[in-house]
C-alpha atoms as a PDB file:
ATOM      1  CA  MET A   1       0.229 -21.991  -7.228  1.00  0.00           C
ATOM      2  CA  LEU A   2       1.368 -18.422  -7.804  1.00  0.00           C
ATOM      3  CA  ILE A   3      -0.795 -15.235  -7.255  1.00  0.00           C
ATOM      4  CA  ALA A   4       0.137 -12.520  -8.919  1.00  0.00           C
ATOM      5  CA  LEU A   5      -0.262  -8.802  -7.237  1.00  0.00           C
ATOM      6  CA  ILE A   6      -2.808  -7.127  -8.838  1.00  0.00           C
ATOM      7  CA  GLY A   7      -3.281  -4.051  -6.776  1.00  0.00           C
ATOM      8  CA  TYR A   8      -3.596  -2.216  -3.247  1.00  0.00           C
ATOM      9  CA  LEU A   9      -6.374  -1.782  -1.239  1.00  0.00           C
ATOM     10  CA  PHE A  10      -6.543   1.547   1.076  1.00  0.00           C
ATOM     11  CA  PRO A  11      -9.248   2.939   3.420  1.00  0.00           C
ATOM     12  CA  LYS A  12     -11.646   5.354   2.419  1.00  0.00           C
ATOM     13  CA  GLU A  13     -10.605   7.244   5.681  1.00  0.00           C
ATOM     14  CA  LEU A  14      -7.329   7.867   4.655  1.00  0.00           C
ATOM     15  CA  ASN A  15      -7.411  10.970   2.396  1.00  0.00           C
ATOM     16  CA  GLU A  16      -3.906  11.382   2.046  1.00  0.00           C
ATOM     17  CA  ILE A  17      -3.673   8.808  -0.218  1.00  0.00           C
ATOM     18  CA  LYS A  18      -6.323   9.453  -2.416  1.00  0.00           C
ATOM     19  CA  ILE A  19      -5.218  12.795  -2.619  1.00  0.00           C
ATOM     20  CA  TRP A  20      -1.867  11.790  -3.406  1.00  0.00           C
ATOM     21  CA  ALA A  21      -3.117   9.506  -6.125  1.00  0.00           C
ATOM     22  CA  GLU A  22      -5.137  11.917  -7.993  1.00  0.00           C
ATOM     23  CA  LYS A  23      -1.950  13.937  -7.977  1.00  0.00           C
ATOM     24  CA  GLN A  24      -0.408  11.411  -9.505  1.00  0.00           C
ATOM     25  CA  ASN A  25      -2.861  10.552 -12.235  1.00  0.00           C
ATOM     26  CA  ILE A  26      -3.191   7.044 -10.911  1.00  0.00           C
ATOM     27  CA  ASN A  27      -6.705   5.219 -11.276  1.00  0.00           C
ATOM     28  CA  PHE A  28      -8.376   4.077  -8.233  1.00  0.00           C
ATOM     29  CA  GLU A  29     -11.900   2.552  -7.797  1.00  0.00           C
ATOM     30  CA  ASN A  30     -14.482   1.463  -5.339  1.00  0.00           C
ATOM     31  CA  THR A  31     -12.943  -2.037  -4.173  1.00  0.00           C
ATOM     32  CA  SER A  32     -16.813  -3.606  -4.674  1.00  0.00           C
ATOM     33  CA  SER A  33     -15.927  -3.462  -8.528  1.00  0.00           C
ATOM     34  CA  ALA A  34     -12.628  -4.963  -7.826  1.00  0.00           C
ATOM     35  CA  ASN A  35     -11.711  -8.923  -8.286  1.00  0.00           C
ATOM     36  CA  CYS A  36     -10.044  -9.510  -4.963  1.00  0.00           C
ATOM     37  CA  GLU A  37      -9.839 -13.560  -4.491  1.00  0.00           C
ATOM     38  CA  LYS A  38      -7.142 -13.061  -1.930  1.00  0.00           C
ATOM     39  CA  VAL A  39      -6.561 -10.198   0.361  1.00  0.00           C
ATOM     40  CA  GLU A  40      -3.564  -9.806   2.609  1.00  0.00           C
ATOM     41  CA  GLU A  41      -2.652  -6.982   5.172  1.00  0.00           C
ATOM     42  CA  TYR A  42       0.860  -5.732   6.442  1.00  0.00           C
ATOM     43  CA  HIS A  43       0.837  -5.447   9.924  1.00  0.00           C
ATOM     44  CA  VAL A  44       3.843  -3.081  11.046  1.00  0.00           C
ATOM     45  CA  GLU A  45       4.896  -4.784  14.300  1.00  0.00           C
ATOM     46  CA  ARG A  46       8.028  -2.375  14.729  1.00  0.00           C
ATOM     47  CA  ILE A  47       9.871  -0.140  13.036  1.00  0.00           C
ATOM     48  CA  ASP A  48      13.159  -0.415  12.701  1.00  0.00           C
ATOM     49  CA  SER A  49      16.368   1.114  10.400  1.00  0.00           C
ATOM     50  CA  ILE A  50      18.845   0.163   8.247  1.00  0.00           C
ATOM     51  CA  ASP A  51      22.266   2.022   7.432  1.00  0.00           C
ATOM     52  CA  PHE A  52      21.888   2.374   3.568  1.00  0.00           C
ATOM     53  CA  GLU A  53      25.369   3.960   2.506  1.00  0.00           C
ATOM     54  CA  GLY A  54      25.494   6.485   5.269  1.00  0.00           C
ATOM     55  CA  ASP A  55      21.652   7.095   5.365  1.00  0.00           C
ATOM     56  CA  LEU A  56      19.435   5.814   8.160  1.00  0.00           C
ATOM     57  CA  VAL A  57      16.481   4.412   5.875  1.00  0.00           C
ATOM     58  CA  VAL A  58      13.100   2.759   7.489  1.00  0.00           C
ATOM     59  CA  ASN A  59      13.016  -0.646   7.857  1.00  0.00           C
ATOM     60  CA  PRO A  60       9.679  -1.614   9.361  1.00  0.00           C
ATOM     61  CA  ILE A  61       9.229  -5.265  10.658  1.00  0.00           C
ATOM     62  CA  LEU A  62       6.094  -6.341   9.038  1.00  0.00           C
ATOM     63  CA  LYS A  63       4.029  -9.475   9.843  1.00  0.00           C
ATOM     64  CA  VAL A  64       1.542 -10.379   6.709  1.00  0.00           C
ATOM     65  CA  ASN A  65      -1.621 -11.865   7.583  1.00  0.00           C
ATOM     66  CA  GLU A  66      -4.082 -13.215   4.766  1.00  0.00           C
ATOM     67  CA  ILE A  67      -7.580 -12.100   5.654  1.00  0.00           C
ATOM     68  CA  SER A  68      -9.870 -14.794   5.268  1.00  0.00           C
ATOM     69  CA  GLU A  69     -13.101 -13.327   6.492  1.00  0.00           C
ATOM     70  CA  LYS A  70     -15.031 -11.297   3.911  1.00  0.00           C
ATOM     71  CA  ILE A  71     -13.792  -7.610   4.100  1.00  0.00           C
ATOM     72  CA  ASP A  72     -16.627  -4.825   4.036  1.00  0.00           C
ATOM     73  CA  LYS A  73     -15.560  -3.523   0.111  1.00  0.00           C
ATOM     74  CA  SER A  74     -17.397  -0.520   0.543  1.00  0.00           C
ATOM     75  CA  ASN A  75     -14.861   0.885   3.022  1.00  0.00           C
ATOM     76  CA  TYR A  76     -11.957   0.415   0.704  1.00  0.00           C
ATOM     77  CA  TYR A  77     -10.739   1.837  -2.617  1.00  0.00           C
ATOM     78  CA  PHE A  78      -8.389  -0.171  -5.101  1.00  0.00           C
ATOM     79  CA  ILE A  79      -5.698   0.999  -6.752  1.00  0.00           C
ATOM     80  CA  PRO A  80      -5.056  -1.560  -9.776  1.00  0.00           C
ATOM     81  CA  LEU A  81      -1.490  -2.232 -11.244  1.00  0.00           C
ATOM     82  CA  ASN A  82      -2.035  -2.577 -14.649  1.00  0.00           C
ATOM     83  CA  GLN A  83      -1.784   1.128 -15.586  1.00  0.00           C
ATOM     84  CA  LEU A  84       1.383   3.105 -16.727  1.00  0.00           C
ATOM     85  CA  LYS A  85       2.288   4.092 -13.375  1.00  0.00           C
ATOM     86  CA  ASN A  86       2.554   0.625 -11.716  1.00  0.00           C
ATOM     87  CA  ASN A  87       6.096   0.806 -11.154  1.00  0.00           C
ATOM     88  CA  LEU A  88       5.754   3.993  -9.181  1.00  0.00           C
ATOM     89  CA  ILE A  89       2.792   2.529  -7.300  1.00  0.00           C
ATOM     90  CA  VAL A  90       4.763  -0.246  -5.984  1.00  0.00           C
ATOM     91  CA  ILE A  91       7.506   2.014  -4.950  1.00  0.00           C
ATOM     92  CA  ALA A  92       5.413   4.573  -2.986  1.00  0.00           C
ATOM     93  CA  LEU A  93       2.831   1.591  -1.374  1.00  0.00           C
ATOM     94  CA  GLU A  94       5.071  -1.244  -0.357  1.00  0.00           C
ATOM     95  CA  PRO A  95       6.121  -0.615   3.284  1.00  0.00           C
ATOM     96  CA  LYS A  96       9.934  -1.546   2.968  1.00  0.00           C
ATOM     97  CA  SER A  97      10.558   0.633  -0.098  1.00  0.00           C
ATOM     98  CA  MET A  98      13.186   3.159   0.477  1.00  0.00           C
ATOM     99  CA  LEU A  99      10.850   5.727  -1.335  1.00  0.00           C
ATOM    100  CA  GLY A 100       7.846   4.747  -0.300  1.00  0.00           C
ATOM    101  CA  LEU A 101       5.593   6.617   0.918  1.00  0.00           C
ATOM    102  CA  VAL A 102       5.861   5.754   4.807  1.00  0.00           C
ATOM    103  CA  ASN A 103       8.999   8.008   4.890  1.00  0.00           C
ATOM    104  CA  TYR A 104       7.138  10.869   4.328  1.00  0.00           C
ATOM    105  CA  ASN A 105       6.074  12.587   7.584  1.00  0.00           C
ATOM    106  CA  LYS A 106       2.844  13.221   6.011  1.00  0.00           C
ATOM    107  CA  PHE A 107       1.912   9.958   5.863  1.00  0.00           C
ATOM    108  CA  LYS A 108       2.800   8.826   9.211  1.00  0.00           C
ATOM    109  CA  ILE A 109      -0.085   7.772  11.332  1.00  0.00           C
ATOM    110  CA  TYR A 110       1.709   6.723  14.370  1.00  0.00           C
END
Protein backbone atom coordinates (compact mmCIF):
# COMPACT_ATOMS: atom_id res chain seq x y z
CA MET A 1 0.00 0.00 0.00
CA LEU A 2 1.44 3.34 -1.05
CA ILE A 3 1.02 6.18 1.42
CA ALA A 4 1.54 9.64 0.01
CA LEU A 5 3.40 12.37 1.86
CA ILE A 6 0.82 14.89 3.02
CA GLY A 7 3.04 17.30 4.95
CA TYR A 8 5.74 17.91 7.51
CA LEU A 9 5.70 18.20 11.27
CA PHE A 10 8.12 20.50 13.03
CA PRO A 11 8.54 21.16 16.75
CA LYS A 12 7.04 24.41 17.98
CA GLU A 13 10.34 25.17 19.70
CA LEU A 14 12.05 25.56 16.28
CA ASN A 15 11.08 29.18 15.89
CA GLU A 16 13.37 29.58 12.84
CA ILE A 17 11.16 27.23 10.81
CA LYS A 18 8.01 29.07 11.91
CA ILE A 19 9.51 32.45 10.93
CA TRP A 20 10.67 31.02 7.58
CA ALA A 21 7.17 29.65 6.84
CA GLU A 22 5.54 32.96 7.75
CA LYS A 23 7.94 34.95 5.54
CA GLN A 24 7.19 32.60 2.63
CA ASN A 25 3.43 32.81 3.22
CA ILE A 26 3.30 29.07 3.81
CA ASN A 27 0.29 27.84 5.71
CA PHE A 28 0.87 25.78 8.85
CA GLU A 29 -1.42 24.70 11.63
CA ASN A 30 -1.47 23.06 15.00
CA THR A 31 -0.89 19.35 14.55
CA SER A 32 -4.01 18.44 16.51
CA SER A 33 -6.07 19.39 13.44
CA ALA A 34 -3.94 17.29 11.06
CA ASN A 35 -4.80 13.74 10.09
CA CYS A 36 -1.46 11.96 10.62
CA GLU A 37 -1.95 8.22 10.09
CA LYS A 38 1.73 7.40 9.75
CA VAL A 39 4.50 9.59 11.15
CA GLU A 40 8.13 9.09 10.22
CA GLU A 41 11.14 10.90 11.60
CA TYR A 42 14.52 11.44 10.03
CA HIS A 43 17.52 10.79 12.21
CA VAL A 44 20.74 12.24 10.80
CA GLU A 45 23.40 9.68 11.64
CA ARG A 46 26.24 11.71 10.21
CA ILE A 47 26.93 14.52 7.79
CA ASP A 48 28.83 13.67 4.65
CA SER A 49 29.41 15.67 1.50
CA ILE A 50 29.49 14.98 -2.21
CA ASP A 51 31.19 16.79 -5.05
CA PHE A 52 28.49 18.20 -7.33
CA GLU A 53 29.85 20.00 -10.37
CA GLY A 54 32.88 21.26 -8.44
CA ASP A 55 30.98 22.29 -5.31
CA LEU A 56 30.85 20.39 -2.04
CA VAL A 57 27.22 19.73 -1.15
CA VAL A 58 25.92 18.47 2.19
CA ASN A 59 24.83 14.84 2.00
CA PRO A 60 23.36 13.75 5.33
CA ILE A 61 23.28 10.02 6.03
CA LEU A 62 19.77 9.35 7.29
CA LYS A 63 17.90 6.69 9.16
CA VAL A 64 14.13 6.83 8.82
CA ASN A 65 12.10 5.63 11.80
CA GLU A 66 8.37 5.13 11.88
CA ILE A 67 7.09 6.50 15.13
CA SER A 68 4.71 3.84 16.29
CA GLU A 69 3.96 5.36 19.66
CA LYS A 70 1.70 8.36 19.93
CA ILE A 71 3.43 11.70 19.78
CA ASP A 72 2.25 14.69 21.74
CA LYS A 73 0.68 16.62 18.87
CA SER A 74 0.44 19.77 20.95
CA ASN A 75 4.24 20.17 20.62
CA TYR A 76 4.23 20.32 16.80
CA TYR A 77 3.06 22.40 13.87
CA PHE A 78 1.96 20.76 10.63
CA ILE A 79 2.81 22.15 7.18
CA PRO A 80 0.41 20.57 4.66
CA LEU A 81 1.60 20.02 1.10
CA ASN A 82 -1.79 20.78 -0.46
CA GLN A 83 -0.96 24.44 -1.00
CA LEU A 84 0.45 26.57 -3.78
CA LYS A 85 4.07 26.48 -2.58
CA ASN A 86 4.26 22.71 -2.14
CA ASN A 87 7.44 22.35 -4.21
CA LEU A 88 9.17 25.03 -2.14
CA ILE A 89 8.18 23.21 1.04
CA VAL A 90 9.63 19.88 -0.12
CA ILE A 91 12.82 21.47 -1.46
CA ALA A 92 13.35 23.35 1.79
CA LEU A 93 12.51 20.64 4.31
CA GLU A 94 13.85 17.41 2.79
CA PRO A 95 17.21 16.80 4.46
CA LYS A 96 18.87 15.52 1.27
CA SER A 97 17.79 18.50 -0.80
CA MET A 98 20.75 20.45 -2.18
CA LEU A 99 18.72 23.65 -1.80
CA GLY A 100 17.29 22.75 1.60
CA LEU A 101 17.37 24.81 4.74
CA VAL A 102 19.94 22.41 6.21
CA ASN A 103 22.54 24.09 3.98
CA TYR A 104 22.15 27.48 5.65
CA ASN A 105 23.94 28.35 8.90
CA LYS A 106 20.81 29.93 10.36
CA PHE A 107 19.07 26.53 10.39
CA LYS A 108 21.93 24.37 11.67
CA ILE A 109 21.36 23.19 15.23
CA TYR A 110 24.59 21.27 15.77
